[in-house]
Amino acid sequence: MNFRVNIPVRDSCRRDGSCHERKTGTLSQQELLTADFSIPARERGCGCGCRACPRRYLAITGFILGAFLILHLTVNALGLLPSAFQTVVNHIYGLGAALPVLEFGLVLAPLAIHVALGLRTLRRERFEVALEKHHHGSDVRYWLQRVTAVILLVFLAFHLATMHRWGLHLVYGITRWTVLGRYAAGGLFEPHRAFASVSESLWHFWDKHTANPANVLTVQLYLLGLAAAVYHLANGVATGAEVLGFVPATGQRERLWRVCIGAGIVLAAIGMAAWYAFAPGTHP
């Protein structure tokens, strides 16, 4: 005779890489009699018990990228003072040969790992709202984390391709396609004229007319990317701290979530200041 009962199964990651904490299982009568019901179920735990759990690497790389995002938005907010913004950019690019190393080690490599693991998770879980309790936080928060991840992926692909020298500039250097001629000298961001180049790439991406619907769409994409980045970071810090075991108690998790909400609001304000700073007519 077999019985179907709800007890936590404390095993390692399954072969398909899933870290779901299984909630049901079919036990024989002998297994049921010898089962240890004194072991509490993990609350919202990943249930894998494996040091190489992908969610740990998502959390670690997420913290690294989050620190960069805070720094990036703070520097961009200095666009309210164009001379100060140019001074900071000069200091950054004054690092010389060390700058590409820092970019790859602290941004591009963590981003590649984070995206790869995130896509792996998204392929398995898609956009379902109600999932098994292998994740951290509420179902809606976890669903929004995946939605903002997709928005961020699209935005970052556009942002890096157009602004960075490792984007379409690199493609032009390899292919010499005339259609990419505007990227021959580098990305649209020009360090020696930092403020003007950022403003032009945001508000005059397609032509010189700010009211052009295509330019408006580009500007709105940056706003959407900003909102997605702030939410993804705020929720990611709260859930990542749980994954890494920094906040084991339920009360600590709730307090951390409230702190992350407050920090997210502050970061959103900084990001909006950065977005507004480069708008045409902001400065005389």
Protein backbone atom coordinates (compact mmCIF):
# COMPACT_ATOMS: atom_id res chain seq x y z
CA MET A 1 0.00 0.00 0.00
CA ASN A 2 1.30 3.49 -0.86
CA PHE A 3 0.46 6.75 0.87
CA ARG A 4 0.78 10.24 -0.61
CA VAL A 5 1.83 12.78 1.99
CA ASN A 6 3.09 16.35 2.08
CA ILE A 7 6.56 16.38 3.62
CA PRO A 8 9.70 18.24 2.57
CA VAL A 9 12.23 16.22 0.62
CA ARG A 10 15.74 17.19 1.69
CA ASP A 11 17.88 16.26 -1.25
CA SER A 12 20.30 17.96 -3.59
CA CYS A 13 19.62 19.58 -6.96
CA ARG A 14 17.88 17.33 -9.40
CA ARG A 15 19.54 16.23 -12.61
CA ASP A 16 17.68 18.85 -14.63
CA GLY A 17 19.31 21.56 -12.52
CA SER A 18 16.06 22.50 -10.79
CA CYS A 19 16.27 23.58 -7.18
CA HIS A 20 12.57 23.18 -6.46
CA GLU A 21 11.75 21.95 -3.01
CA ARG A 22 9.45 19.07 -3.77
CA LYS A 23 6.37 18.97 -1.61
CA THR A 24 4.80 15.67 -2.40
CA GLY A 25 6.06 12.19 -2.80
CA THR A 26 4.79 8.64 -2.88
CA LEU A 27 6.09 6.66 0.11
CA SER A 28 5.73 3.02 0.93
CA GLN A 29 4.19 2.07 4.25
CA GLN A 30 7.64 1.17 5.64
CA GLU A 31 9.13 4.50 4.50
CA LEU A 32 6.22 6.36 6.06
CA LEU A 33 6.73 4.63 9.39
CA THR A 34 10.44 5.45 9.44
CA ALA A 35 10.14 9.04 8.14
CA ASP A 36 11.45 11.77 10.46
CA PHE A 37 8.64 14.30 10.78
CA SER A 38 10.62 16.36 13.31
CA ILE A 39 12.64 18.02 10.52
CA PRO A 40 10.95 21.34 9.72
CA ALA A 41 10.34 22.31 6.14
CA ARG A 42 12.42 25.15 4.82
CA GLU A 43 10.42 28.31 4.42
CA ARG A 44 10.71 29.55 0.90
CA GLY A 45 14.00 27.73 0.61
CA CYS A 46 15.61 26.55 -2.57
CA GLY A 47 15.85 23.04 -1.12
CA CYS A 48 18.97 22.10 -3.00
CA GLY A 49 21.51 22.10 -0.17
CA CYS A 50 24.22 22.27 -2.80
CA ARG A 51 27.12 24.70 -2.62
CA ALA A 52 27.03 25.15 -6.37
CA CYS A 53 23.36 26.19 -6.42
CA PRO A 54 22.86 28.51 -9.43
CA ARG A 55 20.82 30.89 -7.29
CA ARG A 56 23.90 31.59 -5.18
CA TYR A 57 25.84 32.70 -8.23
CA LEU A 58 22.88 34.78 -9.37
CA ALA A 59 22.89 36.50 -5.98
CA ILE A 60 26.66 37.10 -5.91
CA THR A 61 26.87 38.49 -9.45
CA GLY A 62 23.69 40.48 -8.78
CA PHE A 63 25.33 42.21 -5.82
CA ILE A 64 28.35 43.11 -7.96
CA LEU A 65 26.18 44.48 -10.76
CA GLY A 66 23.99 46.30 -8.25
CA ALA A 67 27.00 48.13 -6.84
CA PHE A 68 27.96 49.17 -10.36
CA LEU A 69 24.40 50.35 -11.09
CA ILE A 70 24.39 52.57 -8.00
CA LEU A 71 27.76 54.06 -8.98
CA HIS A 72 26.68 54.50 -12.62
CA LEU A 73 23.44 56.30 -11.78
CA THR A 74 25.16 58.49 -9.20
CA VAL A 75 27.80 59.58 -11.71
CA ASN A 76 25.14 60.23 -14.35
CA ALA A 77 23.16 62.34 -11.88
CA LEU A 78 26.13 64.69 -11.90
CA GLY A 79 24.85 65.64 -15.34
CA LEU A 80 22.90 68.27 -13.44
CA LEU A 81 26.33 69.93 -13.22
CA PRO A 82 27.89 69.30 -16.65
CA SER A 83 31.35 70.50 -15.64
CA ALA A 84 31.41 68.17 -12.63
CA PHE A 85 30.20 65.30 -14.81
CA GLN A 86 33.01 65.93 -17.31
CA THR A 87 35.57 66.05 -14.49
CA VAL A 88 34.47 62.65 -13.14
CA VAL A 89 34.51 61.13 -16.64
CA ASN A 90 38.04 62.47 -17.15
CA HIS A 91 39.14 60.77 -13.93
CA ILE A 92 37.55 57.48 -14.98
CA TYR A 93 39.11 57.47 -18.43
CA GLY A 94 42.37 58.61 -16.91
CA LEU A 95 42.79 55.05 -15.63
CA GLY A 96 44.09 54.18 -19.09
CA ALA A 97 44.81 50.51 -19.74
CA ALA A 98 43.33 49.53 -16.35
CA LEU A 99 39.86 50.67 -17.41
CA PRO A 100 39.11 47.80 -19.88
CA VAL A 101 40.32 45.30 -17.27
CA LEU A 102 37.99 46.77 -14.65
CA GLU A 103 35.12 46.89 -17.14
CA PHE A 104 35.52 43.23 -18.01
CA GLY A 105 36.21 41.96 -14.50
CA LEU A 106 33.62 44.00 -12.59
CA VAL A 107 30.89 44.45 -15.20
CA LEU A 108 31.00 42.34 -18.37
CA ALA A 109 32.03 39.02 -16.81
CA PRO A 110 29.50 39.19 -13.91
CA LEU A 111 26.86 40.36 -16.37
CA ALA A 112 27.51 37.41 -18.70
CA ILE A 113 27.24 34.95 -15.80
CA HIS A 114 24.12 36.62 -14.43
CA VAL A 115 22.38 36.67 -17.81
CA ALA A 116 23.28 33.05 -18.59
CA LEU A 117 21.97 31.77 -15.26
CA GLY A 118 18.95 34.05 -15.45
CA LEU A 119 17.98 32.77 -18.89
CA ARG A 120 18.40 29.22 -17.63
CA THR A 121 15.98 29.94 -14.79
CA LEU A 122 13.56 31.77 -17.09
CA ARG A 123 13.55 28.89 -19.58
CA ARG A 124 12.55 26.50 -16.82
CA GLU A 125 10.00 28.65 -14.99
CA ARG A 126 8.79 31.02 -17.74
CA PHE A 127 6.31 33.63 -16.53
CA GLU A 128 4.07 31.53 -14.32
CA VAL A 129 2.92 33.44 -11.24
CA ALA A 130 2.26 30.54 -8.89
CA LEU A 131 5.26 28.23 -8.57
CA GLU A 132 6.47 25.74 -6.02
CA LYS A 133 8.07 27.42 -3.03
CA HIS A 134 11.61 27.15 -4.29
CA HIS A 135 11.95 30.92 -4.61
CA HIS A 136 12.20 33.73 -2.08
CA GLY A 137 9.62 36.45 -1.49
CA SER A 138 6.02 36.50 -2.64
CA ASP A 139 4.82 34.98 -5.90
CA VAL A 140 4.12 38.44 -7.38
CA ARG A 141 7.55 39.74 -6.41
CA TYR A 142 9.20 36.71 -7.99
CA TRP A 143 7.11 37.10 -11.16
CA LEU A 144 8.06 40.79 -11.41
CA GLN A 145 11.70 39.85 -10.95
CA ARG A 146 11.54 37.73 -14.10
CA VAL A 147 9.56 40.35 -16.05
CA THR A 148 12.03 43.12 -15.18
CA ALA A 149 14.89 40.77 -16.07
CA VAL A 150 13.60 40.50 -19.66
CA ILE A 151 13.06 44.26 -19.89
CA LEU A 152 16.59 44.83 -18.60
CA LEU A 153 18.05 42.35 -21.07
CA VAL A 154 16.50 44.23 -24.00
CA PHE A 155 17.50 47.62 -22.60
CA LEU A 156 21.10 46.60 -21.83
CA ALA A 157 21.53 45.08 -25.28
CA PHE A 158 20.48 48.41 -26.82
CA HIS A 159 22.43 50.55 -24.35
CA LEU A 160 25.71 48.66 -24.65
CA ALA A 161 25.43 48.25 -28.41
CA THR A 162 24.94 51.95 -29.07
CA MET A 163 26.86 53.69 -26.28
CA HIS A 164 29.81 51.44 -25.61
CA ARG A 165 32.90 50.90 -27.75
CA TRP A 166 32.43 47.14 -27.26
CA GLY A 167 29.06 47.27 -29.03
CA LEU A 168 28.30 48.24 -32.61
CA HIS A 169 31.69 49.94 -32.87
CA LEU A 170 33.29 46.52 -32.51
CA VAL A 171 30.89 45.07 -35.09
CA TYR A 172 31.82 47.87 -37.50
CA GLY A 173 35.51 47.21 -36.95
CA ILE A 174 35.00 43.57 -37.95
CA THR A 175 32.49 43.95 -40.79
CA ARG A 176 33.03 47.51 -42.07
CA TRP A 177 29.31 47.76 -42.83
CA THR A 178 28.56 51.26 -44.07
CA VAL A 179 25.19 51.23 -42.30
CA LEU A 180 27.13 51.31 -39.02
CA GLY A 181 29.33 54.19 -40.12
CA ARG A 182 28.25 56.40 -37.22
CA TYR A 183 29.99 53.92 -34.91
CA ALA A 184 33.32 54.01 -36.76
CA ALA A 185 35.05 56.17 -34.14
CA GLY A 186 33.50 54.39 -31.14
CA GLY A 187 30.20 54.20 -29.30
CA LEU A 188 27.89 57.21 -29.20
CA PHE A 189 29.35 58.19 -25.83
CA GLU A 190 32.41 60.39 -26.33
CA PRO A 191 34.52 60.84 -23.17
CA HIS A 192 36.00 64.19 -24.26
CA ARG A 193 32.48 65.67 -24.67
CA ALA A 194 30.69 63.55 -22.13
CA PHE A 195 27.60 65.64 -21.37
CA ALA A 196 26.79 66.61 -24.97
CA SER A 197 27.28 63.10 -26.35
CA VAL A 198 25.01 61.50 -23.73
CA SER A 199 22.30 64.11 -24.31
CA GLU A 200 22.46 63.61 -28.09
CA SER A 201 22.38 59.82 -27.86
CA LEU A 202 19.30 59.94 -25.62
CA TRP A 203 17.20 62.71 -27.12
CA HIS A 204 18.53 62.88 -30.70
CA PHE A 205 19.22 59.24 -31.39
CA TRP A 206 17.47 59.17 -34.79
CA ASP A 207 17.60 62.84 -35.82
CA LYS A 208 17.82 66.37 -34.40
CA HIS A 209 14.07 66.66 -33.75
CA THR A 210 13.34 65.88 -30.11
CA ALA A 211 9.62 65.44 -30.85
CA ASN A 212 10.29 62.72 -33.42
CA PRO A 213 8.27 59.66 -32.24
CA ALA A 214 11.36 57.49 -32.72
CA ASN A 215 13.38 59.75 -30.42
CA VAL A 216 10.54 59.79 -27.89
CA LEU A 217 10.48 55.99 -27.98
CA THR A 218 14.22 55.86 -27.30
CA VAL A 219 13.87 58.19 -24.32
CA GLN A 220 10.97 56.13 -22.94
CA LEU A 221 13.04 52.97 -23.33
CA TYR A 222 15.61 54.52 -20.99
CA LEU A 223 12.88 55.36 -18.49
CA LEU A 224 11.52 51.82 -18.65
CA GLY A 225 15.02 50.41 -18.28
CA LEU A 226 15.62 52.61 -15.26
CA ALA A 227 12.41 51.46 -13.55
CA ALA A 228 13.17 47.80 -14.30
CA ALA A 229 16.75 48.12 -13.04
CA VAL A 230 15.72 49.74 -9.76
CA TYR A 231 13.05 47.14 -9.00
CA HIS A 232 15.28 44.25 -10.08
CA LEU A 233 18.06 45.47 -7.81
CA ALA A 234 15.86 46.23 -4.79
CA ASN A 235 14.07 42.90 -4.91
CA GLY A 236 17.27 41.09 -5.88
CA VAL A 237 19.13 42.36 -2.81
CA ALA A 238 16.31 41.19 -0.54
CA THR A 239 16.03 37.73 -2.11
CA GLY A 240 19.77 37.36 -2.67
CA ALA A 241 20.43 37.94 1.02
CA GLU A 242 18.00 35.11 1.78
CA VAL A 243 19.65 32.79 -0.73
CA LEU A 244 23.08 33.42 0.80
CA GLY A 245 21.74 32.93 4.33
CA PHE A 246 22.35 36.49 5.55
CA VAL A 247 18.79 36.86 6.90
CA PRO A 248 17.63 33.44 8.14
CA ALA A 249 14.75 34.69 10.30
CA THR A 250 11.39 35.68 8.82
CA GLY A 251 11.35 38.97 10.73
CA GLN A 252 14.77 39.88 9.39
CA ARG A 253 13.62 39.20 5.84
CA GLU A 254 10.62 41.48 6.19
CA ARG A 255 12.75 44.28 7.65
CA LEU A 256 15.30 43.89 4.86
CA TRP A 257 12.54 44.03 2.25
CA ARG A 258 11.25 47.31 3.72
CA VAL A 259 14.78 48.74 3.73
CA CYS A 260 15.21 47.69 0.09
CA ILE A 261 11.94 49.40 -0.85
CA GLY A 262 13.16 52.64 0.73
CA ALA A 263 16.58 52.35 -0.91
CA GLY A 264 14.91 51.61 -4.25
CA ILE A 265 12.86 54.80 -4.02
CA VAL A 266 16.02 56.82 -3.33
CA LEU A 267 17.86 55.14 -6.23
CA ALA A 268 14.90 55.76 -8.54
CA ALA A 269 15.03 59.46 -7.62
CA ILE A 270 18.76 59.53 -8.44
CA GLY A 271 18.10 57.80 -11.74
CA MET A 272 15.31 60.23 -12.63
CA ALA A 273 17.66 63.12 -11.87
CA ALA A 274 20.21 61.58 -14.22
CA TRP A 275 17.57 61.12 -16.92
CA TYR A 276 16.32 64.69 -16.57
CA ALA A 277 19.83 66.16 -16.44
CA PHE A 278 20.50 65.36 -20.09
CA ALA A 279 17.19 66.64 -21.44
CA PRO A 280 17.53 69.46 -24.03
CA GLY A 281 17.05 72.89 -22.50
CA THR A 282 17.84 71.74 -18.96
CA HIS A 283 20.91 73.93 -18.86
CA PRO A 284 21.31 77.42 -20.34
